[in-house]
Amino acid sequence: MSPKFASCPICGQPSQMKTRPFCSDRCRDRDLLQWLGDGYRVPGAGVTEDAQKSSDYGVDSDPD
């Protein structure tokens, strides 16, 4: 008996062992592009530009 896999999260076709959980390289690449292009986001409060700079460089935003 072969293992049963879930359907592809992009197109709904049966997933393949080689590209699991996707059905093909095409669907896997589409998912990657969604992540790289900010297509998937977690809802929440936005980050101000000053807060982003200070967290990126580990410095305070107040240069006293």
PDB file of N, CA and C in Angstrom:
ATOM      1  N   MET A   1       0.837  -1.178   0.000  1.00  0.00           N
ATOM      2  CA  MET A   1       0.000   0.000   0.000  1.00  0.00           C
ATOM      3  C   MET A   1       0.886   1.246   0.000  1.00  0.00           C
ATOM      4  N   SER A   2       0.632   2.168  -0.907  1.00  0.00           N
ATOM      5  CA  SER A   2       1.437   3.381  -1.000  1.00  0.00           C
ATOM      6  C   SER A   2       0.966   4.410   0.025  1.00  0.00           C
ATOM      7  N   PRO A   3       1.899   5.260   0.504  1.00  0.00           N
ATOM      8  CA  PRO A   3       1.509   6.278   1.470  1.00  0.00           C
ATOM      9  C   PRO A   3       0.579   7.303   0.829  1.00  0.00           C
ATOM     10  N   LYS A   4      -0.363   7.817   1.592  1.00  0.00           N
ATOM     11  CA  LYS A   4      -1.320   8.790   1.089  1.00  0.00           C
ATOM     12  C   LYS A   4      -0.858  10.186   1.498  1.00  0.00           C
ATOM     13  N   PHE A   5      -0.735  11.071   0.533  1.00  0.00           N
ATOM     14  CA  PHE A   5      -0.278  12.422   0.807  1.00  0.00           C
ATOM     15  C   PHE A   5      -1.427  13.403   0.642  1.00  0.00           C
ATOM     16  N   ALA A   6      -1.312  14.504   1.291  1.00  0.00           N
ATOM     17  CA  ALA A   6      -2.316  15.562   1.179  1.00  0.00           C
ATOM     18  C   ALA A   6      -2.255  16.182  -0.214  1.00  0.00           C
ATOM     19  N   SER A   7      -3.242  16.950  -0.529  1.00  0.00           N
ATOM     20  CA  SER A   7      -3.249  17.615  -1.834  1.00  0.00           C
ATOM     21  C   SER A   7      -2.348  18.843  -1.813  1.00  0.00           C
ATOM     22  N   CYS A   8      -1.942  19.269  -2.980  1.00  0.00           N
ATOM     23  CA  CYS A   8      -1.074  20.424  -3.162  1.00  0.00           C
ATOM     24  C   CYS A   8      -1.776  21.678  -2.626  1.00  0.00           C
ATOM     25  N   PRO A   9      -1.111  22.473  -1.783  1.00  0.00           N
ATOM     26  CA  PRO A   9      -1.750  23.667  -1.237  1.00  0.00           C
ATOM     27  C   PRO A   9      -1.972  24.778  -2.280  1.00  0.00           C
ATOM     28  N   ILE A  10      -1.320  24.685  -3.425  1.00  0.00           N
ATOM     29  CA  ILE A  10      -1.467  25.704  -4.465  1.00  0.00           C
ATOM     30  C   ILE A  10      -2.603  25.369  -5.417  1.00  0.00           C
ATOM     31  N   CYS A  11      -2.628  24.142  -5.949  1.00  0.00           N
ATOM     32  CA  CYS A  11      -3.610  23.817  -6.987  1.00  0.00           C
ATOM     33  C   CYS A  11      -4.603  22.720  -6.604  1.00  0.00           C
ATOM     34  N   GLY A  12      -4.338  21.984  -5.526  1.00  0.00           N
ATOM     35  CA  GLY A  12      -5.254  20.951  -5.082  1.00  0.00           C
ATOM     36  C   GLY A  12      -5.024  19.571  -5.671  1.00  0.00           C
ATOM     37  N   GLN A  13      -4.082  19.425  -6.588  1.00  0.00           N
ATOM     38  CA  GLN A  13      -3.755  18.121  -7.160  1.00  0.00           C
ATOM     39  C   GLN A  13      -3.058  17.265  -6.093  1.00  0.00           C
ATOM     40  N   PRO A  14      -3.025  15.942  -6.256  1.00  0.00           N
ATOM     41  CA  PRO A  14      -2.309  15.098  -5.291  1.00  0.00           C
ATOM     42  C   PRO A  14      -0.819  15.455  -5.256  1.00  0.00           C
ATOM     43  N   SER A  15      -0.266  15.549  -4.062  1.00  0.00           N
ATOM     44  CA  SER A  15       1.150  15.901  -3.949  1.00  0.00           C
ATOM     45  C   SER A  15       2.024  14.725  -4.382  1.00  0.00           C
ATOM     46  N   GLN A  16       3.249  15.033  -4.781  1.00  0.00           N
ATOM     47  CA  GLN A  16       4.205  14.025  -5.228  1.00  0.00           C
ATOM     48  C   GLN A  16       5.342  13.937  -4.216  1.00  0.00           C
ATOM     49  N   MET A  17       5.910  12.751  -4.065  1.00  0.00           N
ATOM     50  CA  MET A  17       6.973  12.538  -3.097  1.00  0.00           C
ATOM     51  C   MET A  17       8.162  13.472  -3.345  1.00  0.00           C
ATOM     52  N   LYS A  18       8.533  13.665  -4.594  1.00  0.00           N
ATOM     53  CA  LYS A  18       9.705  14.480  -4.945  1.00  0.00           C
ATOM     54  C   LYS A  18       9.537  15.948  -4.554  1.00  0.00           C
ATOM     55  N   THR A  19       8.334  16.473  -4.658  1.00  0.00           N
ATOM     56  CA  THR A  19       8.105  17.902  -4.420  1.00  0.00           C
ATOM     57  C   THR A  19       7.162  18.160  -3.249  1.00  0.00           C
ATOM     58  N   ARG A  20       6.961  17.162  -2.415  1.00  0.00           N
ATOM     59  CA  ARG A  20       6.020  17.247  -1.304  1.00  0.00           C
ATOM     60  C   ARG A  20       6.212  18.493  -0.468  1.00  0.00           C
ATOM     61  N   PRO A  21       5.230  19.248  -0.086  1.00  0.00           N
ATOM     62  CA  PRO A  21       3.800  18.970  -0.154  1.00  0.00           C
ATOM     63  C   PRO A  21       3.146  19.423  -1.451  1.00  0.00           C
ATOM     64  N   PHE A  22       3.944  19.789  -2.433  1.00  0.00           N
ATOM     65  CA  PHE A  22       3.403  20.282  -3.705  1.00  0.00           C
ATOM     66  C   PHE A  22       3.318  19.151  -4.725  1.00  0.00           C
ATOM     67  N   CYS A  23       2.580  19.410  -5.802  1.00  0.00           N
ATOM     68  CA  CYS A  23       2.417  18.386  -6.836  1.00  0.00           C
ATOM     69  C   CYS A  23       3.507  18.473  -7.899  1.00  0.00           C
ATOM     70  N   SER A  24       4.163  19.617  -8.008  1.00  0.00           N
ATOM     71  CA  SER A  24       5.166  19.793  -9.065  1.00  0.00           C
ATOM     72  C   SER A  24       6.144  20.895  -8.687  1.00  0.00           C
ATOM     73  N   ASP A  25       7.215  20.996  -9.473  1.00  0.00           N
ATOM     74  CA  ASP A  25       8.176  22.088  -9.283  1.00  0.00           C
ATOM     75  C   ASP A  25       7.505  23.435  -9.524  1.00  0.00           C
ATOM     76  N   ARG A  26       6.571  23.466 -10.458  1.00  0.00           N
ATOM     77  CA  ARG A  26       5.883  24.719 -10.778  1.00  0.00           C
ATOM     78  C   ARG A  26       5.133  25.270  -9.560  1.00  0.00           C
ATOM     79  N   CYS A  27       4.373  24.432  -8.879  1.00  0.00           N
ATOM     80  CA  CYS A  27       3.633  24.879  -7.695  1.00  0.00           C
ATOM     81  C   CYS A  27       4.589  25.232  -6.552  1.00  0.00           C
ATOM     82  N   ARG A  28       5.668  24.476  -6.410  1.00  0.00           N
ATOM     83  CA  ARG A  28       6.658  24.780  -5.381  1.00  0.00           C
ATOM     84  C   ARG A  28       7.279  26.151  -5.629  1.00  0.00           C
ATOM     85  N   ASP A  29       7.602  26.446  -6.890  1.00  0.00           N
ATOM     86  CA  ASP A  29       8.178  27.739  -7.246  1.00  0.00           C
ATOM     87  C   ASP A  29       7.179  28.880  -7.053  1.00  0.00           C
ATOM     88  N   ARG A  30       5.898  28.635  -7.369  1.00  0.00           N
ATOM     89  CA  ARG A  30       4.874  29.660  -7.148  1.00  0.00           C
ATOM     90  C   ARG A  30       4.781  30.017  -5.668  1.00  0.00           C
ATOM     91  N   ASP A  31       4.869  29.009  -4.800  1.00  0.00           N
ATOM     92  CA  ASP A  31       4.821  29.243  -3.364  1.00  0.00           C
ATOM     93  C   ASP A  31       6.035  30.044  -2.907  1.00  0.00           C
ATOM     94  N   LEU A  32       7.207  29.690  -3.403  1.00  0.00           N
ATOM     95  CA  LEU A  32       8.419  30.421  -3.052  1.00  0.00           C
ATOM     96  C   LEU A  32       8.313  31.880  -3.468  1.00  0.00           C
ATOM     97  N   LEU A  33       7.800  32.132  -4.655  1.00  0.00           N
ATOM     98  CA  LEU A  33       7.641  33.516  -5.116  1.00  0.00           C
ATOM     99  C   LEU A  33       6.666  34.298  -4.240  1.00  0.00           C
ATOM    100  N   GLN A  34       5.652  33.632  -3.726  1.00  0.00           N
ATOM    101  CA  GLN A  34       4.723  34.298  -2.796  1.00  0.00           C
ATOM    102  C   GLN A  34       5.467  34.747  -1.543  1.00  0.00           C
ATOM    103  N   TRP A  35       6.328  33.881  -1.009  1.00  0.00           N
ATOM    104  CA  TRP A  35       7.095  34.245   0.183  1.00  0.00           C
ATOM    105  C   TRP A  35       8.077  35.374  -0.107  1.00  0.00           C
ATOM    106  N   LEU A  36       8.773  35.285  -1.218  1.00  0.00           N
ATOM    107  CA  LEU A  36       9.773  36.300  -1.549  1.00  0.00           C
ATOM    108  C   LEU A  36       9.148  37.641  -1.903  1.00  0.00           C
ATOM    109  N   GLY A  37       7.949  37.627  -2.448  1.00  0.00           N
ATOM    110  CA  GLY A  37       7.276  38.856  -2.850  1.00  0.00           C
ATOM    111  C   GLY A  37       6.328  39.400  -1.806  1.00  0.00           C
ATOM    112  N   ASP A  38       6.463  38.976  -0.551  1.00  0.00           N
ATOM    113  CA  ASP A  38       5.588  39.405   0.540  1.00  0.00           C
ATOM    114  C   ASP A  38       4.127  39.088   0.278  1.00  0.00           C
ATOM    115  N   GLY A  39       3.855  38.009  -0.442  1.00  0.00           N
ATOM    116  CA  GLY A  39       2.480  37.587  -0.682  1.00  0.00           C
ATOM    117  C   GLY A  39       1.848  36.982   0.553  1.00  0.00           C
ATOM    118  N   TYR A  40       2.675  36.398   1.419  1.00  0.00           N
ATOM    119  CA  TYR A  40       2.190  35.861   2.679  1.00  0.00           C
ATOM    120  C   TYR A  40       2.612  36.826   3.781  1.00  0.00           C
ATOM    121  N   ARG A  41       1.660  37.293   4.538  1.00  0.00           N
ATOM    122  CA  ARG A  41       1.969  38.227   5.629  1.00  0.00           C
ATOM    123  C   ARG A  41       1.195  37.836   6.874  1.00  0.00           C
ATOM    124  N   VAL A  42       1.780  38.153   8.014  1.00  0.00           N
ATOM    125  CA  VAL A  42       1.110  37.955   9.284  1.00  0.00           C
ATOM    126  C   VAL A  42       0.491  39.292   9.676  1.00  0.00           C
ATOM    127  N   PRO A  43      -0.813  39.327   9.946  1.00  0.00           N
ATOM    128  CA  PRO A  43      -1.431  40.603  10.302  1.00  0.00           C
ATOM    129  C   PRO A  43      -0.897  41.120  11.628  1.00  0.00           C
ATOM    130  N   GLY A  44      -0.775  42.416  11.714  1.00  0.00           N
ATOM    131  CA  GLY A  44      -0.305  43.029  12.948  1.00  0.00           C
ATOM    132  C   GLY A  44      -0.007  44.493  12.716  1.00  0.00           C
ATOM    133  N   ALA A  45       0.429  45.136  13.767  1.00  0.00           N
ATOM    134  CA  ALA A  45       0.770  46.556  13.694  1.00  0.00           C
ATOM    135  C   ALA A  45       2.008  46.740  12.829  1.00  0.00           C
ATOM    136  N   GLY A  46       2.029  47.785  12.068  1.00  0.00           N
ATOM    137  CA  GLY A  46       3.176  48.088  11.225  1.00  0.00           C
ATOM    138  C   GLY A  46       4.367  48.551  12.043  1.00  0.00           C
ATOM    139  N   VAL A  47       5.525  48.513  11.447  1.00  0.00           N
ATOM    140  CA  VAL A  47       6.753  48.949  12.094  1.00  0.00           C
ATOM    141  C   VAL A  47       7.148  50.288  11.501  1.00  0.00           C
ATOM    142  N   THR A  48       7.461  51.264  12.364  1.00  0.00           N
ATOM    143  CA  THR A  48       7.882  52.569  11.869  1.00  0.00           C
ATOM    144  C   THR A  48       9.275  52.465  11.277  1.00  0.00           C
ATOM    145  N   GLU A  49       9.615  53.406  10.436  1.00  0.00           N
ATOM    146  CA  GLU A  49      10.922  53.381   9.782  1.00  0.00           C
ATOM    147  C   GLU A  49      12.049  53.503  10.801  1.00  0.00           C
ATOM    148  N   ASP A  50      11.896  54.361  11.825  1.00  0.00           N
ATOM    149  CA  ASP A  50      12.923  54.507  12.856  1.00  0.00           C
ATOM    150  C   ASP A  50      13.111  53.224  13.651  1.00  0.00           C
ATOM    151  N   ALA A  51      12.015  52.575  13.993  1.00  0.00           N
ATOM    152  CA  ALA A  51      12.109  51.321  14.744  1.00  0.00           C
ATOM    153  C   ALA A  51      12.780  50.247  13.904  1.00  0.00           C
ATOM    154  N   GLN A  52      12.507  50.231  12.616  1.00  0.00           N
ATOM    155  CA  GLN A  52      13.128  49.245  11.729  1.00  0.00           C
ATOM    156  C   GLN A  52      14.633  49.467  11.651  1.00  0.00           C
ATOM    157  N   LYS A  53      15.058  50.719  11.519  1.00  0.00           N
ATOM    158  CA  LYS A  53      16.494  51.015  11.442  1.00  0.00           C
ATOM    159  C   LYS A  53      17.212  50.619  12.721  1.00  0.00           C
ATOM    160  N   SER A  54      16.630  50.940  13.870  1.00  0.00           N
ATOM    161  CA  SER A  54      17.302  50.624  15.123  1.00  0.00           C
ATOM    162  C   SER A  54      17.370  49.117  15.349  1.00  0.00           C
ATOM    163  N   SER A  55      16.349  48.378  14.939  1.00  0.00           N
ATOM    164  CA  SER A  55      16.409  46.931  15.123  1.00  0.00           C
ATOM    165  C   SER A  55      17.368  46.284  14.119  1.00  0.00           C
ATOM    166  N   ASP A  56      17.522  46.887  12.944  1.00  0.00           N
ATOM    167  CA  ASP A  56      18.442  46.338  11.950  1.00  0.00           C
ATOM    168  C   ASP A  56      19.895  46.485  12.379  1.00  0.00           C
ATOM    169  N   TYR A  57      20.213  47.588  13.034  1.00  0.00           N
ATOM    170  CA  TYR A  57      21.602  47.869  13.370  1.00  0.00           C
ATOM    171  C   TYR A  57      21.910  47.730  14.857  1.00  0.00           C
ATOM    172  N   GLY A  58      20.899  47.461  15.673  1.00  0.00           N
ATOM    173  CA  GLY A  58      21.135  47.271  17.103  1.00  0.00           C
ATOM    174  C   GLY A  58      21.525  48.549  17.816  1.00  0.00           C
ATOM    175  N   VAL A  59      21.061  49.680  17.338  1.00  0.00           N
ATOM    176  CA  VAL A  59      21.364  50.964  17.973  1.00  0.00           C
ATOM    177  C   VAL A  59      20.077  51.647  18.370  1.00  0.00           C
ATOM    178  N   ASP A  60      20.202  52.587  19.305  1.00  0.00           N
ATOM    179  CA  ASP A  60      19.044  53.385  19.715  1.00  0.00           C
ATOM    180  C   ASP A  60      18.702  54.386  18.633  1.00  0.00           C
ATOM    181  N   SER A  61      17.407  54.703  18.525  1.00  0.00           N
ATOM    182  CA  SER A  61      16.991  55.687  17.531  1.00  0.00           C
ATOM    183  C   SER A  61      17.259  57.108  17.997  1.00  0.00           C
ATOM    184  N   ASP A  62      17.568  57.294  19.298  1.00  0.00           N
ATOM    185  CA  ASP A  62      17.856  58.624  19.846  1.00  0.00           C
ATOM    186  C   ASP A  62      19.369  58.787  19.951  1.00  0.00           C
ATOM    187  N   PRO A  63      19.978  59.636  19.098  1.00  0.00           N
ATOM    188  CA  PRO A  63      21.451  59.734  19.071  1.00  0.00           C
ATOM    189  C   PRO A  63      22.072  60.637  20.127  1.00  0.00           C
ATOM    190  N   ASP A  64      21.542  60.705  21.364  1.00  0.00           N
ATOM    191  CA  ASP A  64      22.083  61.583  22.409  1.00  0.00           C
ATOM    192  C   ASP A  64      23.497  61.267  22.715  1.00  0.00           C
TER     193      ASP A  64
END
